[in-house]
Amino acid sequence: MKRHKLVHKLLYLLVSACICVLSVEIGFRIFLNIREKDVITVLSKKEVLEKAWFQPHPHLLYVFKPNSLFIMNGYKYGQFTINQFGFRSTLDFDVKSIKKPANTLRIATLGGSTTMGVNDDNEIWPYLIGKYLSKNIQDKDVEILNEGIMGYTSLDNLLDLSMRVIDFNCDIYVLYLGVNDLLPRAPLSIYRTDNAHFRKTLHENLSYVSIFPSWLLHLKSFRAILQLYGIPDSRGLVRNTETSQFRRGFKVPDEERDLVNEIIRQTVIRNIKSMVGIIRAHRPEALIILSSFYDLRNRQNLNNLNDDFMELSQQKDLIFVDAANMIPKEKDMAYDYGHFTPKGDRHMGRLFADVIIKNIISNVSTDKDHLTLMR
């Protein structure tokens, strides 16, 4: 009898609590509707991974979700097709297998969002390299692996090269990177060349939701409480162009700015040297193109990096392409400082294709597995 009374009391308390929570939730939603306001959205880890354009990787911050399709926002509503290997597709010139087919010229482009491209799949410059080359190298198949992904620094490109890209045994590597390395700037007491001070992992972003049941996260009243404690909106993790939640920002004291910029320059060059070393250790005959970075803002720290790129190209026998000065500095070339419009992408694609055709491939011979490229 006593046991039944206890059960009834517990049920009564449970039902009362549910009614109380439901009443608060309904009242709060009415309040928000009257005030025309809303609260943050807090998604569970499962929901984030289902909705996001990325997927976790055991060693990289994030990679594209293989065999996916999404619409780019923020620029030209570019349609993004991600291939089976988790790289942005280059359509007719996409890699079909990890093993490179015979009689094939395979090119990898590495960088951040300015390499990835923000226009439709058939308008970005890595695709256009394949299109222009295929008209001039008709006795060889052309494949383009576009490694570029939004938010990647030269360190991310280095890691991605060593763990994913190198397996595709490319003949030519185009390096168009460096601008995202300006983002980890921080006071000298905080700055780390491995970007540990700068990066926020997916686990860090979702750690606060792991302890709460999914149904609780759907209550706007509970999300309002989380918002008061500074919990960010989870939609930032699934927006197509949004990567800010994967990084931290710092203000650099004026007296440290020049030294921090110098350290970043040295770090970028170190990372590129490491990329060159990995490529040549794996494929000594591979050709490496290093390009200066196109910047409509004409920032001095990027100009300094571009000078470093030219000097490094001479030291390491790389092919230097001065995109910063060869692409017209016109406003209709880029949406902002350097994310190309279709017109800008056409100029970039033509520039790199011309360099490959006129200055790199003077003779192309093939055996069962490899092309031999001679300058």
Protein backbone atom coordinates (compact mmCIF):
# COMPACT_ATOMS: atom_id res chain seq x y z
CA MET A 1 0.00 0.00 0.00
CA LYS A 2 2.74 2.43 0.99
CA ARG A 3 4.61 1.53 -2.18
CA HIS A 4 1.55 2.34 -4.33
CA LYS A 5 1.14 5.69 -2.57
CA LEU A 6 4.79 6.50 -3.26
CA VAL A 7 4.37 5.63 -6.93
CA HIS A 8 1.26 7.80 -7.16
CA LYS A 9 3.08 10.71 -5.54
CA LEU A 10 5.98 10.36 -7.93
CA LEU A 11 3.64 10.21 -10.91
CA TYR A 12 1.79 13.24 -9.61
CA LEU A 13 5.04 15.18 -9.23
CA LEU A 14 6.18 14.11 -12.70
CA VAL A 15 2.92 15.13 -14.34
CA SER A 16 2.91 18.41 -12.43
CA ALA A 17 6.47 19.13 -13.51
CA CYS A 18 5.60 18.39 -17.15
CA ILE A 19 2.56 20.66 -17.00
CA CYS A 20 4.67 23.39 -15.39
CA VAL A 21 7.40 23.13 -18.05
CA LEU A 22 4.80 23.05 -20.83
CA SER A 23 3.00 26.09 -19.40
CA VAL A 24 6.26 28.04 -19.16
CA GLU A 25 7.19 27.03 -22.70
CA ILE A 26 3.82 28.04 -24.16
CA GLY A 27 3.85 31.33 -22.28
CA PHE A 28 7.41 32.09 -23.38
CA ARG A 29 6.63 31.34 -27.03
CA ILE A 30 3.59 33.67 -26.87
CA PHE A 31 5.85 36.35 -25.36
CA LEU A 32 8.41 35.93 -28.14
CA ASN A 33 5.68 36.08 -30.77
CA ILE A 34 4.25 39.31 -29.34
CA ARG A 35 7.71 40.90 -29.10
CA GLU A 36 8.67 39.54 -32.55
CA LYS A 37 11.87 38.07 -31.16
CA ASP A 38 13.48 34.67 -31.13
CA VAL A 39 16.19 32.78 -29.30
CA ILE A 40 19.18 30.82 -30.50
CA THR A 41 18.84 27.40 -32.08
CA VAL A 42 20.74 24.67 -30.26
CA LEU A 43 21.15 21.47 -32.24
CA SER A 44 22.30 18.11 -30.96
CA LYS A 45 25.53 16.67 -32.35
CA LYS A 46 23.54 14.23 -34.46
CA GLU A 47 21.44 17.06 -35.92
CA VAL A 48 24.52 19.16 -36.68
CA LEU A 49 26.21 16.31 -38.54
CA GLU A 50 23.03 15.55 -40.49
CA LYS A 51 22.51 19.16 -41.60
CA ALA A 52 26.11 20.35 -42.01
CA TRP A 53 28.14 20.62 -45.20
CA PHE A 54 31.10 19.05 -43.39
CA GLN A 55 31.91 15.90 -41.51
CA PRO A 56 34.46 15.27 -38.76
CA HIS A 57 37.87 13.82 -39.55
CA PRO A 58 40.17 12.19 -37.00
CA HIS A 59 43.11 14.47 -37.90
CA LEU A 60 41.69 17.46 -39.81
CA LEU A 61 39.41 20.16 -38.43
CA TYR A 62 36.69 19.25 -40.94
CA VAL A 63 36.30 17.93 -44.48
CA PHE A 64 33.46 18.09 -46.97
CA LYS A 65 30.76 15.47 -46.62
CA PRO A 66 31.31 12.97 -49.51
CA ASN A 67 28.61 12.59 -52.17
CA SER A 68 26.72 15.66 -51.01
CA LEU A 69 25.16 18.69 -52.68
CA PHE A 70 24.44 22.11 -51.20
CA ILE A 71 23.87 25.69 -52.22
CA MET A 72 26.53 28.26 -51.39
CA ASN A 73 25.19 31.38 -49.69
CA GLY A 74 26.79 34.74 -49.14
CA TYR A 75 28.09 35.15 -52.68
CA LYS A 76 26.50 33.94 -55.92
CA TYR A 77 24.40 31.03 -54.71
CA GLY A 78 26.93 28.67 -56.20
CA GLN A 79 25.89 25.04 -56.42
CA PHE A 80 28.40 22.80 -54.69
CA THR A 81 28.81 19.17 -55.65
CA ILE A 82 31.09 17.15 -53.38
CA ASN A 83 32.55 13.99 -54.90
CA GLN A 84 32.93 10.53 -53.37
CA PHE A 85 36.32 11.44 -51.87
CA GLY A 86 35.09 14.54 -50.04
CA PHE A 87 36.52 17.16 -52.44
CA ARG A 88 34.61 19.75 -54.43
CA SER A 89 33.76 18.23 -57.78
CA THR A 90 35.30 19.44 -61.02
CA LEU A 91 32.54 17.67 -62.98
CA ASP A 92 33.90 16.21 -66.25
CA PHE A 93 37.45 16.52 -64.91
CA ASP A 94 36.82 14.97 -61.51
CA VAL A 95 39.06 12.20 -60.19
CA LYS A 96 37.26 8.87 -60.58
CA SER A 97 39.58 6.70 -58.50
CA ILE A 98 42.52 7.03 -56.13
CA LYS A 99 44.80 5.17 -58.56
CA LYS A 100 45.59 7.45 -61.46
CA PRO A 101 44.63 5.94 -64.82
CA ALA A 102 47.27 5.59 -67.52
CA ASN A 103 47.52 8.33 -70.11
CA THR A 104 46.11 10.87 -67.66
CA LEU A 105 47.37 14.27 -66.55
CA ARG A 106 46.21 14.73 -62.96
CA ILE A 107 46.41 18.17 -61.29
CA ALA A 108 45.72 19.08 -57.64
CA THR A 109 44.77 22.59 -56.55
CA LEU A 110 45.27 23.39 -52.86
CA GLY A 111 44.11 26.32 -50.74
CA GLY A 112 41.15 27.83 -48.92
CA SER A 113 37.83 29.18 -50.14
CA THR A 114 39.49 31.21 -52.91
CA THR A 115 40.71 27.92 -54.39
CA MET A 116 37.51 26.06 -53.56
CA GLY A 117 35.57 28.75 -55.42
CA VAL A 118 32.25 30.35 -54.48
CA ASN A 119 30.49 30.12 -57.85
CA ASP A 120 28.74 27.21 -59.56
CA ASP A 121 30.70 24.01 -60.14
CA ASN A 122 31.25 24.83 -63.82
CA GLU A 123 32.49 28.39 -63.13
CA ILE A 124 35.32 27.90 -60.61
CA TRP A 125 38.92 28.18 -61.77
CA PRO A 126 40.04 24.59 -60.93
CA TYR A 127 37.29 23.30 -63.23
CA LEU A 128 38.21 25.86 -65.89
CA ILE A 129 41.85 24.70 -65.84
CA GLY A 130 40.58 21.28 -66.90
CA LYS A 131 38.30 22.78 -69.53
CA TYR A 132 41.06 24.90 -71.09
CA LEU A 133 43.68 22.12 -70.93
CA SER A 134 41.39 19.51 -72.49
CA LYS A 135 41.16 21.66 -75.62
CA ASN A 136 44.95 21.78 -75.94
CA ILE A 137 45.98 18.31 -74.74
CA GLN A 138 43.60 16.21 -76.76
CA ASP A 139 45.58 12.96 -76.64
CA LYS A 140 45.54 12.86 -72.80
CA ASP A 141 42.76 12.77 -70.26
CA VAL A 142 42.80 15.62 -67.74
CA GLU A 143 41.72 15.25 -64.12
CA ILE A 144 41.55 18.04 -61.54
CA LEU A 145 41.44 17.41 -57.78
CA ASN A 146 40.18 20.58 -56.06
CA GLU A 147 41.37 20.30 -52.44
CA GLY A 148 40.38 23.87 -51.56
CA ILE A 149 38.04 24.19 -48.60
CA MET A 150 36.75 27.24 -46.75
CA GLY A 151 38.73 28.34 -43.73
CA TYR A 152 41.81 26.18 -44.37
CA THR A 153 45.19 27.66 -43.48
CA SER A 154 48.50 26.52 -45.00
CA LEU A 155 48.86 24.18 -42.01
CA ASP A 156 45.49 22.59 -42.81
CA ASN A 157 46.54 22.24 -46.46
CA LEU A 158 49.81 20.63 -45.35
CA LEU A 159 47.99 18.07 -43.21
CA ASP A 160 45.39 17.39 -45.90
CA LEU A 161 48.10 16.94 -48.51
CA SER A 162 49.96 14.42 -46.37
CA MET A 163 46.88 12.39 -45.40
CA ARG A 164 44.51 12.55 -48.39
CA VAL A 165 45.75 14.36 -51.49
CA ILE A 166 49.13 12.65 -51.83
CA ASP A 167 47.45 9.27 -52.39
CA PHE A 168 46.09 10.50 -55.72
CA ASN A 169 49.59 10.64 -57.23
CA CYS A 170 49.15 13.94 -59.07
CA ASP A 171 51.48 15.18 -61.79
CA ILE A 172 51.09 18.88 -61.01
CA TYR A 173 50.27 20.72 -57.76
CA VAL A 174 48.92 24.27 -57.79
CA LEU A 175 49.33 26.07 -54.44
CA TYR A 176 47.11 29.13 -54.05
CA LEU A 177 47.01 29.80 -50.32
CA GLY A 178 48.17 31.98 -47.43
CA VAL A 179 45.38 34.49 -46.83
CA ASN A 180 43.72 32.44 -44.07
CA ASP A 181 47.01 32.34 -42.19
CA LEU A 182 46.37 35.95 -41.25
CA LEU A 183 43.37 34.91 -39.16
CA PRO A 184 45.32 33.23 -36.28
CA ARG A 185 47.07 36.50 -35.38
CA ALA A 186 47.32 36.84 -31.61
CA PRO A 187 49.52 38.43 -28.93
CA LEU A 188 52.97 36.86 -28.69
CA SER A 189 52.15 35.32 -25.32
CA ILE A 190 49.28 33.38 -26.91
CA TYR A 191 50.29 32.74 -30.52
CA ARG A 192 51.28 29.18 -31.47
CA THR A 193 52.47 28.11 -34.91
CA ASP A 194 50.30 24.97 -34.69
CA ASN A 195 47.23 27.25 -34.37
CA ALA A 196 46.21 25.59 -31.10
CA HIS A 197 45.39 29.03 -29.71
CA PHE A 198 43.13 29.74 -32.68
CA ARG A 199 41.22 26.60 -33.54
CA LYS A 200 37.96 25.49 -31.94
CA THR A 201 37.21 21.86 -32.73
CA LEU A 202 33.79 20.44 -33.46
CA HIS A 203 33.96 18.67 -30.10
CA GLU A 204 34.49 22.02 -28.35
CA ASN A 205 31.59 23.55 -30.25
CA LEU A 206 29.24 20.74 -29.27
CA SER A 207 30.49 19.92 -25.77
CA TYR A 208 27.75 21.98 -24.14
CA VAL A 209 24.93 20.02 -25.84
CA SER A 210 26.25 16.55 -25.12
CA ILE A 211 25.03 16.64 -21.52
CA PHE A 212 21.46 17.64 -22.39
CA PRO A 213 18.75 15.38 -23.86
CA SER A 214 17.60 16.33 -27.35
CA TRP A 215 14.00 17.12 -26.27
CA LEU A 216 15.28 19.71 -23.79
CA LEU A 217 17.18 21.53 -26.53
CA HIS A 218 13.93 21.98 -28.44
CA LEU A 219 12.44 24.10 -25.64
CA LYS A 220 12.82 27.79 -26.45
CA SER A 221 12.67 28.66 -22.76
CA PHE A 222 15.67 26.41 -22.09
CA ARG A 223 17.55 27.75 -25.10
CA ALA A 224 16.98 31.27 -23.78
CA ILE A 225 18.77 30.26 -20.59
CA LEU A 226 21.69 28.86 -22.62
CA GLN A 227 21.77 32.10 -24.62
CA LEU A 228 22.11 34.11 -21.40
CA TYR A 229 25.22 32.04 -20.61
CA GLY A 230 26.78 32.88 -23.98
CA ILE A 231 26.09 29.61 -25.80
CA PRO A 232 26.35 30.31 -29.59
CA ASP A 233 23.67 29.57 -32.15
CA SER A 234 24.22 26.10 -33.63
CA ARG A 235 23.05 27.28 -37.05
CA GLY A 236 26.46 28.87 -37.44
CA LEU A 237 27.90 25.36 -37.63
CA VAL A 238 25.71 24.32 -40.55
CA ARG A 239 25.63 27.50 -42.62
CA ASN A 240 27.40 26.85 -45.90
CA THR A 241 29.85 29.75 -45.73
CA GLU A 242 30.19 29.98 -41.96
CA THR A 243 33.43 28.77 -40.39
CA SER A 244 33.89 31.46 -37.74
CA GLN A 245 32.78 29.09 -34.97
CA PHE A 246 35.86 26.99 -35.67
CA ARG A 247 38.20 29.81 -34.70
CA ARG A 248 38.94 32.33 -31.98
CA GLY A 249 39.77 35.97 -32.54
CA PHE A 250 42.39 38.05 -30.73
CA LYS A 251 43.51 41.66 -30.72
CA VAL A 252 47.23 42.11 -31.28
CA PRO A 253 48.88 45.03 -29.43
CA ASP A 254 50.23 47.65 -31.81
CA GLU A 255 53.77 47.20 -30.53
CA GLU A 256 53.66 43.44 -31.34
CA ARG A 257 51.92 43.61 -34.71
CA ASP A 258 55.02 43.67 -36.93
CA LEU A 259 56.68 40.81 -35.07
CA VAL A 260 53.52 38.68 -35.14
CA ASN A 261 53.16 39.27 -38.89
CA GLU A 262 56.81 38.27 -39.38
CA ILE A 263 56.31 35.04 -37.42
CA ILE A 264 53.24 34.24 -39.53
CA ARG A 265 55.24 34.82 -42.72
CA GLN A 266 57.91 32.42 -41.50
CA THR A 267 55.26 29.86 -40.52
CA VAL A 268 53.55 29.97 -43.92
CA ILE A 269 56.86 29.52 -45.73
CA ARG A 270 57.76 26.64 -43.41
CA ASN A 271 54.45 24.95 -44.18
CA ILE A 272 54.89 25.39 -47.92
CA LYS A 273 58.44 24.01 -47.73
CA SER A 274 57.03 20.99 -45.91
CA MET A 275 54.41 20.55 -48.65
CA VAL A 276 57.10 20.71 -51.31
CA GLY A 277 59.15 18.13 -49.38
CA ILE A 278 56.23 15.72 -49.12
CA ILE A 279 55.37 16.05 -52.81
CA ARG A 280 58.93 15.51 -53.96
CA ALA A 281 59.54 12.63 -51.57
CA HIS A 282 56.49 10.91 -52.99
CA ARG A 283 56.82 12.02 -56.62
CA PRO A 284 60.18 13.67 -57.43
CA GLU A 285 59.17 14.51 -61.00
CA ALA A 286 55.93 16.26 -60.02
CA LEU A 287 55.74 19.93 -60.91
CA ILE A 288 54.72 22.46 -58.28
CA ILE A 289 53.15 25.83 -59.08
CA LEU A 290 53.14 28.46 -56.34
CA SER A 291 51.06 31.56 -56.94
CA SER A 292 50.96 34.98 -55.35
CA PHE A 293 47.63 35.90 -53.78
CA TYR A 294 45.21 38.28 -55.50
CA ASP A 295 44.02 40.94 -53.05
CA LEU A 296 41.88 43.93 -53.99
CA ARG A 297 42.58 45.46 -50.57
CA ASN A 298 46.31 45.54 -51.36
CA ARG A 299 47.25 44.59 -47.78
CA GLN A 300 50.92 44.97 -46.99
CA ASN A 301 51.20 41.69 -45.08
CA LEU A 302 49.89 39.82 -48.13
CA ASN A 303 52.24 41.75 -50.39
CA ASN A 304 55.10 40.65 -48.15
CA LEU A 305 53.93 37.04 -48.37
CA ASN A 306 53.76 37.31 -52.15
CA ASP A 307 57.38 38.48 -52.20
CA ASP A 308 58.28 35.50 -50.02
CA PHE A 309 56.49 33.17 -52.45
CA MET A 310 58.50 34.49 -55.38
CA GLU A 311 61.77 34.09 -53.47
CA LEU A 312 60.85 30.58 -52.30
CA SER A 313 59.98 29.58 -55.87
CA GLN A 314 63.47 30.55 -56.98
CA GLN A 315 65.08 28.69 -54.09
CA LYS A 316 63.08 25.47 -54.52
CA ASP A 317 62.77 25.45 -58.31
CA LEU A 318 59.02 25.97 -58.23
CA ILE A 319 56.94 27.55 -60.98
CA PHE A 320 55.94 30.99 -59.73
CA VAL A 321 52.73 32.53 -61.06
CA ASP A 322 52.17 36.16 -60.13
CA ALA A 323 48.36 36.12 -60.07
CA ALA A 324 48.39 39.17 -57.79
CA ASN A 325 49.70 41.32 -60.63
CA MET A 326 48.60 39.38 -63.71
CA ILE A 327 44.87 39.41 -62.88
CA PRO A 328 43.41 42.91 -63.41
CA LYS A 329 42.66 44.78 -60.17
CA GLU A 330 39.06 45.48 -61.10
CA LYS A 331 36.04 45.40 -58.80
CA ASP A 332 34.08 43.02 -61.03
CA MET A 333 36.83 40.39 -60.62
CA ALA A 334 35.98 39.58 -56.99
CA TYR A 335 33.02 39.85 -54.64
CA ASP A 336 35.21 41.17 -51.84
CA TYR A 337 38.99 41.13 -51.44
CA GLY A 338 39.66 37.93 -53.36
CA HIS A 339 36.67 35.56 -53.71
CA PHE A 340 36.37 35.56 -57.47
CA THR A 341 33.30 36.36 -59.53
CA PRO A 342 32.77 34.17 -62.63
CA LYS A 343 34.83 36.73 -64.56
CA GLY A 344 37.68 36.48 -62.07
CA ASP A 345 37.52 32.68 -62.11
CA ARG A 346 37.80 32.70 -65.90
CA HIS A 347 40.96 34.84 -65.70
CA MET A 348 42.47 32.53 -63.07
CA GLY A 349 41.64 29.35 -64.95
CA ARG A 350 43.12 30.72 -68.16
CA LEU A 351 46.23 31.99 -66.37
CA PHE A 352 47.09 28.64 -64.80
CA ALA A 353 46.20 26.68 -67.94
CA ASP A 354 48.45 28.92 -70.04
CA VAL A 355 51.32 28.45 -67.57
CA ILE A 356 50.92 24.67 -67.70
CA ILE A 357 50.69 24.58 -71.50
CA LYS A 358 53.34 27.17 -72.42
CA ASN A 359 55.89 26.97 -69.62
CA ILE A 360 55.64 23.52 -68.07
CA ILE A 361 54.60 20.86 -70.53
CA SER A 362 57.10 20.94 -73.34
CA ASN A 363 56.96 17.19 -73.71
CA VAL A 364 54.54 14.68 -72.27
CA SER A 365 55.19 10.96 -72.47
CA THR A 366 53.33 8.18 -70.73
CA ASP A 367 53.94 4.67 -69.52
CA LYS A 368 51.58 2.27 -67.82
CA ASP A 369 51.05 4.33 -64.66
CA HIS A 370 52.78 7.70 -64.91
CA LEU A 371 53.20 10.73 -67.08
CA THR A 372 56.69 12.15 -67.41
CA LEU A 373 56.62 15.94 -67.53
CA MET A 374 59.63 17.83 -68.80
CA ARG A 375 60.20 21.57 -68.58
